[in-house]
Structure formats: C-alpha cells, structure tokens
C-alpha cells in the first residue's frame, strides 16, 4: 500500500482477456484470451505479466482453475473438462492436455462468472447442472429455493436426544 497507488491494467492487449486465476503459490496467472481467434487458456508470471506467456489449451478453452497444490491446471472446452500437468521450476512448462471427464454442465458466463470450483483436497469438482424436467414448467413453477446447512452435526445434537 506504499508508494505509487496509480492503477494500471495487468494486461493491455488488443484482444479480449479475462477469467484470471492466480496459482496457489501466487506466482502465476492463468487467464483466457481470444488472441488466436478463439478463446484459449494462457499462463503468465504474476505480477510481472510481461516476463513470459505460455498457451496451455490447444483447441479452445475457458474457465481456468488451478489444483490446490498448483501442479495441475483445469479448464473447460464445450462439455469436456480438461486437465494438464504443469511444471513451475525452473520456468513454467505445461504438459499435454487430456480429457478428465465430460458432462452437460452450465457453461461459464460473462455475466455470472466462472461456475465451477475444486475441493480443497483436489478430489472433487463443484459444477452446476441445469434442472431437467419431463415437461418444461412455466417460470413460476420452477423451484427457486436452496437450503444450505452449516454445522449439521451441531444442529442434530440440539434436535435429537443422545442417550
């Protein structure tokens, strides 16, 4: 917070760039750019973004997501979730992307943002699926309620007598 507080963009390119994700060690930034003519995932050093640039995706990509240990980078292409191992020392080097799994999940949205995340242990993904109905109900009939229970066991202890 000391020194010059003048704001400046990290990336000042003539292409659309967005969806930045900082690596767990804080040294790398994954992001999406359309500089190739389609959205692709790239990585740059952070915060010195002008000291290198590596393309991670091959045939399109968006919504980059780092594994909790920073050894893998995930991204989405259509219905596919891609994974690539990454080497960070002595310099950044992406591996070959592979399809991790496929499914019909809600895509990334420029308005809502990135619609997925990974668990802290790196073993599960949280993704949104669109509701499937036998017949498409009217908008008023669509359920709009979600219940989230925090500290479920404490709540149960209060409600159930333990003998």
C-alpha atoms as a PDB file:
ATOM      1  CA  UNK A   1       0.000   0.000   0.000  1.00  0.00           C
ATOM      2  CA  UNK A   2       3.023   2.253  -0.037  1.00  0.00           C
ATOM      3  CA  UNK A   3       4.408   4.225  -2.945  1.00  0.00           C
ATOM      4  CA  UNK A   4       2.642   4.995  -6.210  1.00  0.00           C
ATOM      5  CA  UNK A   5      -1.007   3.951  -6.000  1.00  0.00           C
ATOM      6  CA  UNK A   6      -1.739   4.578  -9.654  1.00  0.00           C
ATOM      7  CA  UNK A   7      -3.963   1.849 -11.095  1.00  0.00           C
ATOM      8  CA  UNK A   8      -2.851   0.136 -14.268  1.00  0.00           C
ATOM      9  CA  UNK A   9      -4.243  -2.900 -16.067  1.00  0.00           C
ATOM     10  CA  UNK A  10      -2.236  -6.105 -15.807  1.00  0.00           C
ATOM     11  CA  UNK A  11      -2.854  -6.937 -19.452  1.00  0.00           C
ATOM     12  CA  UNK A  12      -3.197  -4.216 -22.071  1.00  0.00           C
ATOM     13  CA  UNK A  13      -3.663  -6.196 -25.240  1.00  0.00           C
ATOM     14  CA  UNK A  14      -5.854  -5.536 -28.262  1.00  0.00           C
ATOM     15  CA  UNK A  15      -7.650  -8.839 -27.589  1.00  0.00           C
ATOM     16  CA  UNK A  16     -10.320  -9.789 -25.074  1.00  0.00           C
ATOM     17  CA  UNK A  17      -8.777 -11.236 -21.912  1.00  0.00           C
ATOM     18  CA  UNK A  18     -10.452 -12.310 -18.745  1.00  0.00           C
ATOM     19  CA  UNK A  19     -11.240 -15.056 -16.230  1.00  0.00           C
ATOM     20  CA  UNK A  20      -7.941 -14.652 -14.338  1.00  0.00           C
ATOM     21  CA  UNK A  21      -6.985 -17.220 -11.704  1.00  0.00           C
ATOM     22  CA  UNK A  22      -3.864 -16.856  -9.560  1.00  0.00           C
ATOM     23  CA  UNK A  23      -1.927 -20.050  -8.770  1.00  0.00           C
ATOM     24  CA  UNK A  24      -1.897 -21.281  -5.148  1.00  0.00           C
ATOM     25  CA  UNK A  25       1.709 -20.114  -4.710  1.00  0.00           C
ATOM     26  CA  UNK A  26       0.796 -16.652  -6.061  1.00  0.00           C
ATOM     27  CA  UNK A  27       3.466 -16.746  -8.804  1.00  0.00           C
ATOM     28  CA  UNK A  28       1.352 -17.488 -11.920  1.00  0.00           C
ATOM     29  CA  UNK A  29      -1.836 -16.217 -13.509  1.00  0.00           C
ATOM     30  CA  UNK A  30      -3.992 -18.372 -15.768  1.00  0.00           C
ATOM     31  CA  UNK A  31      -6.433 -16.452 -17.945  1.00  0.00           C
ATOM     32  CA  UNK A  32      -8.415 -16.642 -21.190  1.00  0.00           C
ATOM     33  CA  UNK A  33      -7.620 -14.670 -24.345  1.00  0.00           C
ATOM     34  CA  UNK A  34      -9.077 -14.683 -27.851  1.00  0.00           C
ATOM     35  CA  UNK A  35      -5.819 -13.590 -29.498  1.00  0.00           C
ATOM     36  CA  UNK A  36      -5.691 -16.806 -31.595  1.00  0.00           C
ATOM     37  CA  UNK A  37      -9.187 -16.174 -32.947  1.00  0.00           C
ATOM     38  CA  UNK A  38     -10.885 -18.352 -30.318  1.00  0.00           C
ATOM     39  CA  UNK A  39     -10.788 -18.467 -26.540  1.00  0.00           C
ATOM     40  CA  UNK A  40      -7.667 -20.232 -25.251  1.00  0.00           C
ATOM     41  CA  UNK A  41      -6.124 -20.602 -21.792  1.00  0.00           C
ATOM     42  CA  UNK A  42      -2.746 -18.939 -21.196  1.00  0.00           C
ATOM     43  CA  UNK A  43      -0.417 -18.581 -18.206  1.00  0.00           C
ATOM     44  CA  UNK A  44       1.845 -15.646 -17.354  1.00  0.00           C
ATOM     45  CA  UNK A  45       4.105 -14.893 -14.390  1.00  0.00           C
ATOM     46  CA  UNK A  46       2.360 -12.868 -11.701  1.00  0.00           C
ATOM     47  CA  UNK A  47       2.548  -9.985 -11.031  1.00  0.00           C
ATOM     48  CA  UNK A  48       5.267  -9.430 -13.670  1.00  0.00           C
ATOM     49  CA  UNK A  49       2.974 -10.472 -16.541  1.00  0.00           C
ATOM     50  CA  UNK A  50       5.345  -9.223 -19.250  1.00  0.00           C
ATOM     51  CA  UNK A  51       8.068 -11.755 -18.375  1.00  0.00           C
ATOM     52  CA  UNK A  52       6.549 -14.645 -20.341  1.00  0.00           C
ATOM     53  CA  UNK A  53       3.404 -16.206 -21.768  1.00  0.00           C
ATOM     54  CA  UNK A  54       2.506 -19.853 -22.360  1.00  0.00           C
ATOM     55  CA  UNK A  55      -0.527 -21.253 -24.133  1.00  0.00           C
ATOM     56  CA  UNK A  56      -1.999 -24.159 -22.153  1.00  0.00           C
ATOM     57  CA  UNK A  57      -5.095 -25.137 -24.161  1.00  0.00           C
ATOM     58  CA  UNK A  58      -4.846 -26.441 -27.705  1.00  0.00           C
ATOM     59  CA  UNK A  59      -8.299 -26.431 -29.327  1.00  0.00           C
ATOM     60  CA  UNK A  60     -10.093 -23.781 -27.302  1.00  0.00           C
ATOM     61  CA  UNK A  61     -10.569 -23.354 -23.602  1.00  0.00           C
ATOM     62  CA  UNK A  62     -12.099 -21.223 -20.882  1.00  0.00           C
ATOM     63  CA  UNK A  63     -12.701 -21.107 -17.124  1.00  0.00           C
ATOM     64  CA  UNK A  64      -9.168 -21.963 -15.918  1.00  0.00           C
ATOM     65  CA  UNK A  65      -8.883 -23.478 -12.459  1.00  0.00           C
ATOM     66  CA  UNK A  66      -5.724 -24.408 -10.530  1.00  0.00           C
ATOM     67  CA  UNK A  67      -5.487 -27.582  -8.473  1.00  0.00           C
ATOM     68  CA  UNK A  68      -4.992 -26.791  -4.768  1.00  0.00           C
ATOM     69  CA  UNK A  69      -1.345 -27.911  -4.934  1.00  0.00           C
ATOM     70  CA  UNK A  70      -0.715 -25.938  -8.166  1.00  0.00           C
ATOM     71  CA  UNK A  71       0.560 -28.976 -10.069  1.00  0.00           C
ATOM     72  CA  UNK A  72      -2.381 -29.143 -12.467  1.00  0.00           C
ATOM     73  CA  UNK A  73      -4.444 -26.670 -14.396  1.00  0.00           C
ATOM     74  CA  UNK A  74      -8.016 -27.476 -15.382  1.00  0.00           C
ATOM     75  CA  UNK A  75     -10.167 -25.760 -17.967  1.00  0.00           C
ATOM     76  CA  UNK A  76     -13.334 -26.342 -19.949  1.00  0.00           C
ATOM     77  CA  UNK A  77     -13.940 -26.870 -23.662  1.00  0.00           C
ATOM     78  CA  UNK A  78     -17.601 -27.405 -24.521  1.00  0.00           C
ATOM     79  CA  UNK A  79     -18.793 -30.405 -22.492  1.00  0.00           C
ATOM     80  CA  UNK A  80     -15.235 -31.519 -21.646  1.00  0.00           C
ATOM     81  CA  UNK A  81     -13.176 -30.749 -18.566  1.00  0.00           C
ATOM     82  CA  UNK A  82      -9.508 -30.794 -19.485  1.00  0.00           C
ATOM     83  CA  UNK A  83      -6.511 -31.321 -17.205  1.00  0.00           C
ATOM     84  CA  UNK A  84      -2.854 -30.626 -17.817  1.00  0.00           C
ATOM     85  CA  UNK A  85       0.072 -31.110 -15.503  1.00  0.00           C
ATOM     86  CA  UNK A  86       2.309 -28.094 -15.100  1.00  0.00           C
ATOM     87  CA  UNK A  87       5.962 -27.702 -14.237  1.00  0.00           C
ATOM     88  CA  UNK A  88       6.794 -24.445 -12.465  1.00  0.00           C
ATOM     89  CA  UNK A  89      10.543 -24.754 -11.913  1.00  0.00           C
ATOM     90  CA  UNK A  90      12.916 -23.550 -13.294  1.00  0.00           C
ATOM     91  CA  UNK A  91      10.259 -21.971 -15.525  1.00  0.00           C
ATOM     92  CA  UNK A  92       6.656 -22.658 -16.390  1.00  0.00           C
ATOM     93  CA  UNK A  93       6.003 -25.577 -18.728  1.00  0.00           C
ATOM     94  CA  UNK A  94       2.528 -27.003 -19.427  1.00  0.00           C
ATOM     95  CA  UNK A  95       2.019 -30.691 -20.123  1.00  0.00           C
ATOM     96  CA  UNK A  96      -0.259 -32.208 -22.737  1.00  0.00           C
ATOM     97  CA  UNK A  97      -3.958 -31.600 -22.012  1.00  0.00           C
ATOM     98  CA  UNK A  98      -6.173 -34.668 -21.523  1.00  0.00           C
ATOM     99  CA  UNK A  99      -9.938 -35.009 -21.136  1.00  0.00           C
ATOM    100  CA  UNK A 100     -10.609 -35.530 -17.437  1.00  0.00           C
ATOM    101  CA  UNK A 101     -14.372 -36.035 -17.792  1.00  0.00           C
ATOM    102  CA  UNK A 102     -17.350 -34.873 -19.829  1.00  0.00           C
ATOM    103  CA  UNK A 103     -20.867 -33.778 -18.969  1.00  0.00           C
ATOM    104  CA  UNK A 104     -23.611 -31.282 -19.632  1.00  0.00           C
ATOM    105  CA  UNK A 105     -22.798 -28.550 -17.117  1.00  0.00           C
ATOM    106  CA  UNK A 106     -23.770 -24.892 -17.072  1.00  0.00           C
ATOM    107  CA  UNK A 107     -21.114 -23.070 -19.126  1.00  0.00           C
ATOM    108  CA  UNK A 108     -19.037 -20.125 -17.977  1.00  0.00           C
ATOM    109  CA  UNK A 109     -20.950 -16.875 -18.235  1.00  0.00           C
ATOM    110  CA  UNK A 110     -19.567 -13.363 -18.810  1.00  0.00           C
ATOM    111  CA  UNK A 111     -22.329 -12.032 -16.550  1.00  0.00           C
ATOM    112  CA  UNK A 112     -22.295 -14.594 -13.735  1.00  0.00           C
ATOM    113  CA  UNK A 113     -18.653 -15.602 -13.969  1.00  0.00           C
ATOM    114  CA  UNK A 114     -16.920 -18.924 -13.518  1.00  0.00           C
ATOM    115  CA  UNK A 115     -19.414 -21.565 -12.444  1.00  0.00           C
ATOM    116  CA  UNK A 116     -17.197 -24.281 -11.028  1.00  0.00           C
ATOM    117  CA  UNK A 117     -14.587 -24.908  -8.377  1.00  0.00           C
ATOM    118  CA  UNK A 118     -12.472 -27.661  -6.889  1.00  0.00           C
ATOM    119  CA  UNK A 119     -12.473 -29.029  -3.335  1.00  0.00           C
ATOM    120  CA  UNK A 120      -9.527 -28.154  -1.054  1.00  0.00           C
ATOM    121  CA  UNK A 121      -8.279 -31.761  -1.261  1.00  0.00           C
ATOM    122  CA  UNK A 122      -8.382 -31.611  -5.086  1.00  0.00           C
ATOM    123  CA  UNK A 123     -10.517 -34.759  -5.396  1.00  0.00           C
ATOM    124  CA  UNK A 124     -13.941 -33.306  -6.267  1.00  0.00           C
ATOM    125  CA  UNK A 125     -15.338 -30.592  -8.506  1.00  0.00           C
ATOM    126  CA  UNK A 126     -18.386 -28.468  -7.809  1.00  0.00           C
ATOM    127  CA  UNK A 127     -20.286 -27.760 -11.020  1.00  0.00           C
ATOM    128  CA  UNK A 128     -23.784 -26.617 -11.857  1.00  0.00           C
ATOM    129  CA  UNK A 129     -26.196 -28.657 -13.959  1.00  0.00           C
ATOM    130  CA  UNK A 130     -29.368 -27.330 -15.464  1.00  0.00           C
ATOM    131  CA  UNK A 131     -32.554 -28.793 -13.985  1.00  0.00           C
ATOM    132  CA  UNK A 132     -34.124 -31.499 -16.145  1.00  0.00           C
ATOM    133  CA  UNK A 133     -37.913 -31.684 -16.317  1.00  0.00           C
ATOM    134  CA  UNK A 134     -40.156 -34.153 -18.111  1.00  0.00           C
ATOM    135  CA  UNK A 135     -42.138 -31.171 -19.321  1.00  0.00           C
ATOM    136  CA  UNK A 136     -40.761 -27.668 -19.201  1.00  0.00           C
ATOM    137  CA  UNK A 137     -42.761 -25.944 -16.432  1.00  0.00           C
ATOM    138  CA  UNK A 138     -43.799 -22.330 -16.546  1.00  0.00           C
ATOM    139  CA  UNK A 139     -41.289 -19.943 -14.972  1.00  0.00           C
ATOM    140  CA  UNK A 140     -43.474 -19.573 -11.875  1.00  0.00           C
ATOM    141  CA  UNK A 141     -43.352 -23.358 -11.257  1.00  0.00           C
ATOM    142  CA  UNK A 142     -39.553 -23.655 -11.264  1.00  0.00           C
ATOM    143  CA  UNK A 143     -38.227 -24.247  -7.730  1.00  0.00           C
ATOM    144  CA  UNK A 144     -36.134 -21.304  -6.591  1.00  0.00           C
ATOM    145  CA  UNK A 145     -35.104 -22.451  -3.127  1.00  0.00           C
ATOM    146  CA  UNK A 146     -31.841 -23.945  -1.928  1.00  0.00           C
ATOM    147  CA  UNK A 147     -31.124 -24.919   1.661  1.00  0.00           C
ATOM    148  CA  UNK A 148     -27.585 -24.918   2.984  1.00  0.00           C
ATOM    149  CA  UNK A 149     -26.949 -26.439   6.390  1.00  0.00           C
ATOM    150  CA  UNK A 150     -23.804 -25.371   8.183  1.00  0.00           C
ATOM    151  CA  UNK A 151     -22.540 -27.277  11.226  1.00  0.00           C
ATOM    152  CA  UNK A 152     -25.042 -30.055  10.555  1.00  0.00           C
ATOM    153  CA  UNK A 153     -23.857 -32.258  13.449  1.00  0.00           C
ATOM    154  CA  UNK A 154     -24.218 -29.427  15.965  1.00  0.00           C
ATOM    155  CA  UNK A 155     -27.750 -28.827  14.666  1.00  0.00           C
ATOM    156  CA  UNK A 156     -28.551 -32.532  15.035  1.00  0.00           C
ATOM    157  CA  UNK A 157     -27.190 -32.639  18.598  1.00  0.00           C
ATOM    158  CA  UNK A 158     -29.585 -29.852  19.555  1.00  0.00           C
ATOM    159  CA  UNK A 159     -32.598 -31.513  17.924  1.00  0.00           C
ATOM    160  CA  UNK A 160     -32.043 -35.186  18.820  1.00  0.00           C
ATOM    161  CA  UNK A 161     -31.647 -36.507  22.331  1.00  0.00           C
ATOM    162  CA  UNK A 162     -28.491 -38.596  22.660  1.00  0.00           C
ATOM    163  CA  UNK A 163     -28.645 -41.475  25.177  1.00  0.00           C
END
